[in-house]
Amino acid sequence: HFWGPTFKWGISIANIVDFAKPPEKLSYPQQIVVTCTGVICVRYSTVITPKNWNLVNVNLAMAGTGIYQLSHKMRYVTDLFFLGLLLI
């Protein structure tokens, strides 16, 4: 029960490294999956016995970084829309 959450930290770390990536290169489906996985699994990891706090924390980090990346992408798209640069 140690290695699963420990390797899962790699996803959150990769997402943090991607904070510097231009928003047009971010993938909605990928970030939605990272966010949903974090939210669903943090709930699961709080109801299991015994509590695995490494699992709780890694899933919180996944949800947080996913939400941040999604908001970053959405702000970029809305800015383009309001500037008239986004052709739908």
PDB file of N, CA and C in Angstrom:
ATOM      1  N   HIS A   1       0.815  -1.205   0.000  1.00  0.00           N
ATOM      2  CA  HIS A   1       0.000   0.000   0.000  1.00  0.00           C
ATOM      3  C   HIS A   1       0.849   1.255   0.000  1.00  0.00           C
ATOM      4  N   PHE A   2       2.122   1.090  -0.131  1.00  0.00           N
ATOM      5  CA  PHE A   2       3.019   2.235  -0.133  1.00  0.00           C
ATOM      6  C   PHE A   2       3.370   2.687  -1.541  1.00  0.00           C
ATOM      7  N   TRP A   3       3.640   1.737  -2.436  1.00  0.00           N
ATOM      8  CA  TRP A   3       4.174   2.100  -3.750  1.00  0.00           C
ATOM      9  C   TRP A   3       3.151   2.719  -4.684  1.00  0.00           C
ATOM     10  N   GLY A   4       1.889   2.303  -4.608  1.00  0.00           N
ATOM     11  CA  GLY A   4       0.857   2.880  -5.483  1.00  0.00           C
ATOM     12  C   GLY A   4       0.751   4.390  -5.325  1.00  0.00           C
ATOM     13  N   PRO A   5       0.476   4.871  -4.110  1.00  0.00           N
ATOM     14  CA  PRO A   5       0.397   6.322  -3.916  1.00  0.00           C
ATOM     15  C   PRO A   5       1.726   7.029  -4.184  1.00  0.00           C
ATOM     16  N   THR A   6       2.818   6.359  -3.877  1.00  0.00           N
ATOM     17  CA  THR A   6       4.124   6.984  -4.082  1.00  0.00           C
ATOM     18  C   THR A   6       4.382   7.229  -5.573  1.00  0.00           C
ATOM     19  N   PHE A   7       4.073   6.248  -6.404  1.00  0.00           N
ATOM     20  CA  PHE A   7       4.244   6.440  -7.854  1.00  0.00           C
ATOM     21  C   PHE A   7       3.213   7.415  -8.412  1.00  0.00           C
ATOM     22  N   LYS A   8       2.057   7.498  -7.772  1.00  0.00           N
ATOM     23  CA  LYS A   8       1.022   8.427  -8.216  1.00  0.00           C
ATOM     24  C   LYS A   8       1.470   9.885  -8.048  1.00  0.00           C
ATOM     25  N   TRP A   9       2.406  10.129  -7.135  1.00  0.00           N
ATOM     26  CA  TRP A   9       2.945  11.479  -6.975  1.00  0.00           C
ATOM     27  C   TRP A   9       3.590  11.965  -8.267  1.00  0.00           C
ATOM     28  N   GLY A  10       4.079  11.042  -9.096  1.00  0.00           N
ATOM     29  CA  GLY A  10       4.687  11.429 -10.370  1.00  0.00           C
ATOM     30  C   GLY A  10       3.716  12.179 -11.265  1.00  0.00           C
ATOM     31  N   ILE A  11       2.434  11.819 -11.212  1.00  0.00           N
ATOM     32  CA  ILE A  11       1.424  12.513 -12.022  1.00  0.00           C
ATOM     33  C   ILE A  11       1.278  13.956 -11.542  1.00  0.00           C
ATOM     34  N   SER A  12       1.206  14.140 -10.227  1.00  0.00           N
ATOM     35  CA  SER A  12       1.073  15.496  -9.689  1.00  0.00           C
ATOM     36  C   SER A  12       2.321  16.328  -9.959  1.00  0.00           C
ATOM     37  N   ILE A  13       3.482  15.711  -9.835  1.00  0.00           N
ATOM     38  CA  ILE A  13       4.726  16.438 -10.107  1.00  0.00           C
ATOM     39  C   ILE A  13       4.794  16.832 -11.582  1.00  0.00           C
ATOM     40  N   ALA A  14       4.396  15.926 -12.469  1.00  0.00           N
ATOM     41  CA  ALA A  14       4.378  16.252 -13.907  1.00  0.00           C
ATOM     42  C   ALA A  14       3.403  17.397 -14.183  1.00  0.00           C
ATOM     43  N   ASN A  15       2.274  17.402 -13.488  1.00  0.00           N
ATOM     44  CA  ASN A  15       1.303  18.478 -13.662  1.00  0.00           C
ATOM     45  C   ASN A  15       1.869  19.807 -13.166  1.00  0.00           C
ATOM     46  N   ILE A  16       2.629  19.777 -12.074  1.00  0.00           N
ATOM     47  CA  ILE A  16       3.250  21.000 -11.557  1.00  0.00           C
ATOM     48  C   ILE A  16       4.298  21.508 -12.548  1.00  0.00           C
ATOM     49  N   VAL A  17       5.070  20.609 -13.135  1.00  0.00           N
ATOM     50  CA  VAL A  17       6.061  21.004 -14.140  1.00  0.00           C
ATOM     51  C   VAL A  17       5.351  21.633 -15.343  1.00  0.00           C
ATOM     52  N   ASP A  18       4.161  21.141 -15.667  1.00  0.00           N
ATOM     53  CA  ASP A  18       3.400  21.667 -16.799  1.00  0.00           C
ATOM     54  C   ASP A  18       2.785  23.038 -16.532  1.00  0.00           C
ATOM     55  N   PHE A  19       2.888  23.561 -15.305  1.00  0.00           N
ATOM     56  CA  PHE A  19       2.382  24.904 -15.034  1.00  0.00           C
ATOM     57  C   PHE A  19       3.046  25.924 -15.948  1.00  0.00           C
ATOM     58  N   ALA A  20       4.275  25.668 -16.362  1.00  0.00           N
ATOM     59  CA  ALA A  20       5.009  26.590 -17.225  1.00  0.00           C
ATOM     60  C   ALA A  20       4.652  26.417 -18.697  1.00  0.00           C
ATOM     61  N   LYS A  21       3.911  25.377 -19.010  1.00  0.00           N
ATOM     62  CA  LYS A  21       3.547  25.086 -20.400  1.00  0.00           C
ATOM     63  C   LYS A  21       2.513  26.109 -20.893  1.00  0.00           C
ATOM     64  N   PRO A  22       2.592  26.525 -22.149  1.00  0.00           N
ATOM     65  CA  PRO A  22       1.575  27.443 -22.683  1.00  0.00           C
ATOM     66  C   PRO A  22       0.180  26.798 -22.617  1.00  0.00           C
ATOM     67  N   PRO A  23      -0.844  27.577 -22.280  1.00  0.00           N
ATOM     68  CA  PRO A  23      -2.182  27.001 -22.092  1.00  0.00           C
ATOM     69  C   PRO A  23      -2.738  26.295 -23.330  1.00  0.00           C
ATOM     70  N   GLU A  24      -2.339  26.728 -24.515  1.00  0.00           N
ATOM     71  CA  GLU A  24      -2.869  26.074 -25.722  1.00  0.00           C
ATOM     72  C   GLU A  24      -2.355  24.644 -25.870  1.00  0.00           C
ATOM     73  N   LYS A  25      -1.313  24.309 -25.142  1.00  0.00           N
ATOM     74  CA  LYS A  25      -0.765  22.945 -25.209  1.00  0.00           C
ATOM     75  C   LYS A  25      -1.367  22.018 -24.154  1.00  0.00           C
ATOM     76  N   LEU A  26      -2.195  22.553 -23.268  1.00  0.00           N
ATOM     77  CA  LEU A  26      -2.825  21.740 -22.232  1.00  0.00           C
ATOM     78  C   LEU A  26      -4.010  20.987 -22.824  1.00  0.00           C
ATOM     79  N   SER A  27      -4.222  19.793 -22.336  1.00  0.00           N
ATOM     80  CA  SER A  27      -5.287  18.930 -22.847  1.00  0.00           C
ATOM     81  C   SER A  27      -6.457  18.910 -21.865  1.00  0.00           C
ATOM     82  N   TYR A  28      -7.650  19.318 -22.353  1.00  0.00           N
ATOM     83  CA  TYR A  28      -8.845  19.242 -21.502  1.00  0.00           C
ATOM     84  C   TYR A  28      -9.098  17.821 -21.016  1.00  0.00           C
ATOM     85  N   PRO A  29      -9.144  16.815 -21.918  1.00  0.00           N
ATOM     86  CA  PRO A  29      -9.448  15.457 -21.438  1.00  0.00           C
ATOM     87  C   PRO A  29      -8.462  14.964 -20.376  1.00  0.00           C
ATOM     88  N   GLN A  30      -7.184  15.227 -20.570  1.00  0.00           N
ATOM     89  CA  GLN A  30      -6.188  14.770 -19.603  1.00  0.00           C
ATOM     90  C   GLN A  30      -6.410  15.432 -18.249  1.00  0.00           C
ATOM     91  N   GLN A  31      -6.628  16.729 -18.246  1.00  0.00           N
ATOM     92  CA  GLN A  31      -6.795  17.441 -16.978  1.00  0.00           C
ATOM     93  C   GLN A  31      -8.124  17.085 -16.300  1.00  0.00           C
ATOM     94  N   ILE A  32      -9.156  16.820 -17.079  1.00  0.00           N
ATOM     95  CA  ILE A  32     -10.431  16.387 -16.502  1.00  0.00           C
ATOM     96  C   ILE A  32     -10.255  15.037 -15.815  1.00  0.00           C
ATOM     97  N   VAL A  33      -9.532  14.128 -16.463  1.00  0.00           N
ATOM     98  CA  VAL A  33      -9.293  12.804 -15.872  1.00  0.00           C
ATOM     99  C   VAL A  33      -8.458  12.925 -14.599  1.00  0.00           C
ATOM    100  N   VAL A  34      -7.411  13.736 -14.614  1.00  0.00           N
ATOM    101  CA  VAL A  34      -6.577  13.920 -13.423  1.00  0.00           C
ATOM    102  C   VAL A  34      -7.416  14.498 -12.283  1.00  0.00           C
ATOM    103  N   THR A  35      -8.244  15.496 -12.581  1.00  0.00           N
ATOM    104  CA  THR A  35      -9.079  16.123 -11.561  1.00  0.00           C
ATOM    105  C   THR A  35     -10.099  15.139 -11.001  1.00  0.00           C
ATOM    106  N   CYS A  36     -10.816  14.445 -11.877  1.00  0.00           N
ATOM    107  CA  CYS A  36     -11.840  13.501 -11.421  1.00  0.00           C
ATOM    108  C   CYS A  36     -11.232  12.347 -10.637  1.00  0.00           C
ATOM    109  N   THR A  37     -10.100  11.849 -11.087  1.00  0.00           N
ATOM    110  CA  THR A  37      -9.418  10.778 -10.358  1.00  0.00           C
ATOM    111  C   THR A  37      -9.069  11.249  -8.952  1.00  0.00           C
ATOM    112  N   GLY A  38      -8.532  12.450  -8.843  1.00  0.00           N
ATOM    113  CA  GLY A  38      -8.175  12.985  -7.535  1.00  0.00           C
ATOM    114  C   GLY A  38      -9.372  13.153  -6.633  1.00  0.00           C
ATOM    115  N   VAL A  39     -10.457  13.729  -7.161  1.00  0.00           N
ATOM    116  CA  VAL A  39     -11.657  13.979  -6.348  1.00  0.00           C
ATOM    117  C   VAL A  39     -12.302  12.670  -5.907  1.00  0.00           C
ATOM    118  N   ILE A  40     -12.467  11.744  -6.829  1.00  0.00           N
ATOM    119  CA  ILE A  40     -13.114  10.464  -6.494  1.00  0.00           C
ATOM    120  C   ILE A  40     -12.255   9.665  -5.518  1.00  0.00           C
ATOM    121  N   CYS A  41     -10.971   9.597  -5.786  1.00  0.00           N
ATOM    122  CA  CYS A  41     -10.095   8.777  -4.941  1.00  0.00           C
ATOM    123  C   CYS A  41      -9.837   9.392  -3.572  1.00  0.00           C
ATOM    124  N   VAL A  42      -9.894  10.718  -3.455  1.00  0.00           N
ATOM    125  CA  VAL A  42      -9.708  11.309  -2.130  1.00  0.00           C
ATOM    126  C   VAL A  42     -10.897  10.935  -1.249  1.00  0.00           C
ATOM    127  N   ARG A  43     -12.064  10.873  -1.831  1.00  0.00           N
ATOM    128  CA  ARG A  43     -13.242  10.442  -1.065  1.00  0.00           C
ATOM    129  C   ARG A  43     -13.090   8.990  -0.633  1.00  0.00           C
ATOM    130  N   TYR A  44     -12.688   8.142  -1.556  1.00  0.00           N
ATOM    131  CA  TYR A  44     -12.499   6.731  -1.243  1.00  0.00           C
ATOM    132  C   TYR A  44     -11.423   6.543  -0.174  1.00  0.00           C
ATOM    133  N   SER A  45     -10.330   7.281  -0.308  1.00  0.00           N
ATOM    134  CA  SER A  45      -9.212   7.082   0.613  1.00  0.00           C
ATOM    135  C   SER A  45      -9.504   7.609   2.015  1.00  0.00           C
ATOM    136  N   THR A  46     -10.577   8.380   2.195  1.00  0.00           N
ATOM    137  CA  THR A  46     -10.937   8.836   3.538  1.00  0.00           C
ATOM    138  C   THR A  46     -11.907   7.872   4.225  1.00  0.00           C
ATOM    139  N   VAL A  47     -12.537   6.971   3.474  1.00  0.00           N
ATOM    140  CA  VAL A  47     -13.498   6.051   4.096  1.00  0.00           C
ATOM    141  C   VAL A  47     -12.918   4.667   4.344  1.00  0.00           C
ATOM    142  N   ILE A  48     -11.756   4.347   3.767  1.00  0.00           N
ATOM    143  CA  ILE A  48     -11.179   3.026   3.995  1.00  0.00           C
ATOM    144  C   ILE A  48     -10.522   2.967   5.372  1.00  0.00           C
ATOM    145  N   THR A  49     -10.414   1.756   5.890  1.00  0.00           N
ATOM    146  CA  THR A  49      -9.752   1.550   7.174  1.00  0.00           C
ATOM    147  C   THR A  49      -8.634   0.544   6.960  1.00  0.00           C
ATOM    148  N   PRO A  50      -7.448   0.777   7.408  1.00  0.00           N
ATOM    149  CA  PRO A  50      -6.948   1.986   8.063  1.00  0.00           C
ATOM    150  C   PRO A  50      -6.720   3.103   7.049  1.00  0.00           C
ATOM    151  N   LYS A  51      -6.747   4.326   7.529  1.00  0.00           N
ATOM    152  CA  LYS A  51      -6.546   5.485   6.644  1.00  0.00           C
ATOM    153  C   LYS A  51      -5.117   5.458   6.092  1.00  0.00           C
ATOM    154  N   ASN A  52      -5.014   5.741   4.799  1.00  0.00           N
ATOM    155  CA  ASN A  52      -3.705   5.837   4.154  1.00  0.00           C
ATOM    156  C   ASN A  52      -3.517   7.314   3.808  1.00  0.00           C
ATOM    157  N   TRP A  53      -2.807   8.035   4.677  1.00  0.00           N
ATOM    158  CA  TRP A  53      -2.688   9.486   4.516  1.00  0.00           C
ATOM    159  C   TRP A  53      -1.837   9.873   3.308  1.00  0.00           C
ATOM    160  N   ASN A  54      -0.927   9.020   2.890  1.00  0.00           N
ATOM    161  CA  ASN A  54      -0.172   9.272   1.668  1.00  0.00           C
ATOM    162  C   ASN A  54      -1.135   9.260   0.474  1.00  0.00           C
ATOM    163  N   LEU A  55      -2.074   8.317   0.472  1.00  0.00           N
ATOM    164  CA  LEU A  55      -3.070   8.224  -0.597  1.00  0.00           C
ATOM    165  C   LEU A  55      -4.004   9.430  -0.587  1.00  0.00           C
ATOM    166  N   VAL A  56      -4.423   9.868   0.599  1.00  0.00           N
ATOM    167  CA  VAL A  56      -5.281  11.060   0.713  1.00  0.00           C
ATOM    168  C   VAL A  56      -4.552  12.270   0.136  1.00  0.00           C
ATOM    169  N   ASN A  57      -3.305  12.464   0.546  1.00  0.00           N
ATOM    170  CA  ASN A  57      -2.548  13.646   0.114  1.00  0.00           C
ATOM    171  C   ASN A  57      -2.251  13.643  -1.379  1.00  0.00           C
ATOM    172  N   VAL A  58      -1.897  12.497  -1.931  1.00  0.00           N
ATOM    173  CA  VAL A  58      -1.587  12.461  -3.368  1.00  0.00           C
ATOM    174  C   VAL A  58      -2.843  12.737  -4.183  1.00  0.00           C
ATOM    175  N   ASN A  59      -3.989  12.257  -3.733  1.00  0.00           N
ATOM    176  CA  ASN A  59      -5.221  12.520  -4.466  1.00  0.00           C
ATOM    177  C   ASN A  59      -5.667  13.970  -4.330  1.00  0.00           C
ATOM    178  N   LEU A  60      -5.430  14.577  -3.174  1.00  0.00           N
ATOM    179  CA  LEU A  60      -5.689  16.017  -3.041  1.00  0.00           C
ATOM    180  C   LEU A  60      -4.796  16.819  -3.986  1.00  0.00           C
ATOM    181  N   ALA A  61      -3.532  16.404  -4.080  1.00  0.00           N
ATOM    182  CA  ALA A  61      -2.606  17.085  -4.982  1.00  0.00           C
ATOM    183  C   ALA A  61      -3.036  16.912  -6.437  1.00  0.00           C
ATOM    184  N   MET A  62      -3.489  15.714  -6.800  1.00  0.00           N
ATOM    185  CA  MET A  62      -3.956  15.486  -8.175  1.00  0.00           C
ATOM    186  C   MET A  62      -5.158  16.366  -8.484  1.00  0.00           C
ATOM    187  N   ALA A  63      -6.127  16.402  -7.561  1.00  0.00           N
ATOM    188  CA  ALA A  63      -7.322  17.226  -7.781  1.00  0.00           C
ATOM    189  C   ALA A  63      -6.936  18.699  -7.874  1.00  0.00           C
ATOM    190  N   GLY A  64      -6.069  19.143  -6.979  1.00  0.00           N
ATOM    191  CA  GLY A  64      -5.668  20.557  -6.964  1.00  0.00           C
ATOM    192  C   GLY A  64      -4.930  20.983  -8.218  1.00  0.00           C
ATOM    193  N   THR A  65      -3.962  20.170  -8.649  1.00  0.00           N
ATOM    194  CA  THR A  65      -3.210  20.546  -9.851  1.00  0.00           C
ATOM    195  C   THR A  65      -4.089  20.460 -11.098  1.00  0.00           C
ATOM    196  N   GLY A  66      -4.996  19.484 -11.126  1.00  0.00           N
ATOM    197  CA  GLY A  66      -5.912  19.370 -12.266  1.00  0.00           C
ATOM    198  C   GLY A  66      -6.849  20.561 -12.358  1.00  0.00           C
ATOM    199  N   ILE A  67      -7.384  20.978 -11.210  1.00  0.00           N
ATOM    200  CA  ILE A  67      -8.282  22.149 -11.179  1.00  0.00           C
ATOM    201  C   ILE A  67      -7.522  23.400 -11.617  1.00  0.00           C
ATOM    202  N   TYR A  68      -6.295  23.538 -11.137  1.00  0.00           N
ATOM    203  CA  TYR A  68      -5.497  24.699 -11.523  1.00  0.00           C
ATOM    204  C   TYR A  68      -5.258  24.716 -13.036  1.00  0.00           C
ATOM    205  N   GLN A  69      -4.876  23.576 -13.600  1.00  0.00           N
ATOM    206  CA  GLN A  69      -4.603  23.509 -15.037  1.00  0.00           C
ATOM    207  C   GLN A  69      -5.873  23.781 -15.847  1.00  0.00           C
ATOM    208  N   LEU A  70      -7.005  23.232 -15.421  1.00  0.00           N
ATOM    209  CA  LEU A  70      -8.265  23.485 -16.136  1.00  0.00           C
ATOM    210  C   LEU A  70      -8.631  24.968 -16.084  1.00  0.00           C
ATOM    211  N   SER A  71      -8.470  25.589 -14.925  1.00  0.00           N
ATOM    212  CA  SER A  71      -8.807  27.012 -14.821  1.00  0.00           C
ATOM    213  C   SER A  71      -7.849  27.852 -15.667  1.00  0.00           C
ATOM    214  N   HIS A  72      -6.576  27.450 -15.718  1.00  0.00           N
ATOM    215  CA  HIS A  72      -5.579  28.147 -16.538  1.00  0.00           C
ATOM    216  C   HIS A  72      -5.982  28.093 -18.016  1.00  0.00           C
ATOM    217  N   LYS A  73      -6.380  26.920 -18.476  1.00  0.00           N
ATOM    218  CA  LYS A  73      -6.798  26.738 -19.869  1.00  0.00           C
ATOM    219  C   LYS A  73      -8.086  27.517 -20.155  1.00  0.00           C
ATOM    220  N   MET A  74      -9.046  27.459 -19.239  1.00  0.00           N
ATOM    221  CA  MET A  74     -10.321  28.154 -19.457  1.00  0.00           C
ATOM    222  C   MET A  74     -10.148  29.670 -19.475  1.00  0.00           C
ATOM    223  N   ARG A  75      -9.260  30.194 -18.605  1.00  0.00           N
ATOM    224  CA  ARG A  75      -8.985  31.638 -18.636  1.00  0.00           C
ATOM    225  C   ARG A  75      -8.394  32.044 -19.977  1.00  0.00           C
ATOM    226  N   TYR A  76      -7.500  31.239 -20.509  1.00  0.00           N
ATOM    227  CA  TYR A  76      -6.870  31.519 -21.796  1.00  0.00           C
ATOM    228  C   TYR A  76      -7.913  31.537 -22.915  1.00  0.00           C
ATOM    229  N   VAL A  77      -8.782  30.542 -22.938  1.00  0.00           N
ATOM    230  CA  VAL A  77      -9.801  30.447 -23.984  1.00  0.00           C
ATOM    231  C   VAL A  77     -10.793  31.604 -23.874  1.00  0.00           C
ATOM    232  N   THR A  78     -11.197  31.958 -22.640  1.00  0.00           N
ATOM    233  CA  THR A  78     -12.131  33.077 -22.490  1.00  0.00           C
ATOM    234  C   THR A  78     -11.486  34.394 -22.880  1.00  0.00           C
ATOM    235  N   ASP A  79     -10.215  34.570 -22.568  1.00  0.00           N
ATOM    236  CA  ASP A  79      -9.517  35.784 -22.990  1.00  0.00           C
ATOM    237  C   ASP A  79      -9.484  35.880 -24.510  1.00  0.00           C
ATOM    238  N   LEU A  80      -9.199  34.777 -25.177  1.00  0.00           N
ATOM    239  CA  LEU A  80      -9.210  34.777 -26.645  1.00  0.00           C
ATOM    240  C   LEU A  80     -10.602  35.104 -27.182  1.00  0.00           C
ATOM    241  N   PHE A  81     -11.610  34.544 -26.543  1.00  0.00           N
ATOM    242  CA  PHE A  81     -12.989  34.778 -26.991  1.00  0.00           C
ATOM    243  C   PHE A  81     -13.347  36.258 -26.870  1.00  0.00           C
ATOM    244  N   PHE A  82     -13.039  36.864 -25.732  1.00  0.00           N
ATOM    245  CA  PHE A  82     -13.391  38.258 -25.523  1.00  0.00           C
ATOM    246  C   PHE A  82     -12.539  39.205 -26.341  1.00  0.00           C
ATOM    247  N   LEU A  83     -11.366  38.790 -26.741  1.00  0.00           N
ATOM    248  CA  LEU A  83     -10.551  39.611 -27.618  1.00  0.00           C
ATOM    249  C   LEU A  83     -10.936  39.419 -29.088  1.00  0.00           C
ATOM    250  N   GLY A  84     -11.820  38.470 -29.352  1.00  0.00           N
ATOM    251  CA  GLY A  84     -12.269  38.232 -30.711  1.00  0.00           C
ATOM    252  C   GLY A  84     -11.295  37.405 -31.530  1.00  0.00           C
ATOM    253  N   LEU A  85     -10.348  36.768 -30.866  1.00  0.00           N
ATOM    254  CA  LEU A  85      -9.348  35.993 -31.586  1.00  0.00           C
ATOM    255  C   LEU A  85      -9.723  34.531 -31.730  1.00  0.00           C
ATOM    256  N   LEU A  86     -10.764  34.113 -31.008  1.00  0.00           N
ATOM    257  CA  LEU A  86     -11.175  32.723 -31.058  1.00  0.00           C
ATOM    258  C   LEU A  86     -12.272  32.562 -32.096  1.00  0.00           C
ATOM    259  N   LEU A  87     -12.000  31.781 -33.098  1.00  0.00           N
ATOM    260  CA  LEU A  87     -12.989  31.512 -34.138  1.00  0.00           C
ATOM    261  C   LEU A  87     -13.635  30.174 -33.839  1.00  0.00           C
ATOM    262  N   ILE A  88     -14.909  30.193 -33.561  1.00  0.00           N
ATOM    263  CA  ILE A  88     -15.596  28.959 -33.194  1.00  0.00           C
ATOM    264  C   ILE A  88     -16.151  28.284 -34.424  1.00  0.00           C
TER     265      ILE A  88
END
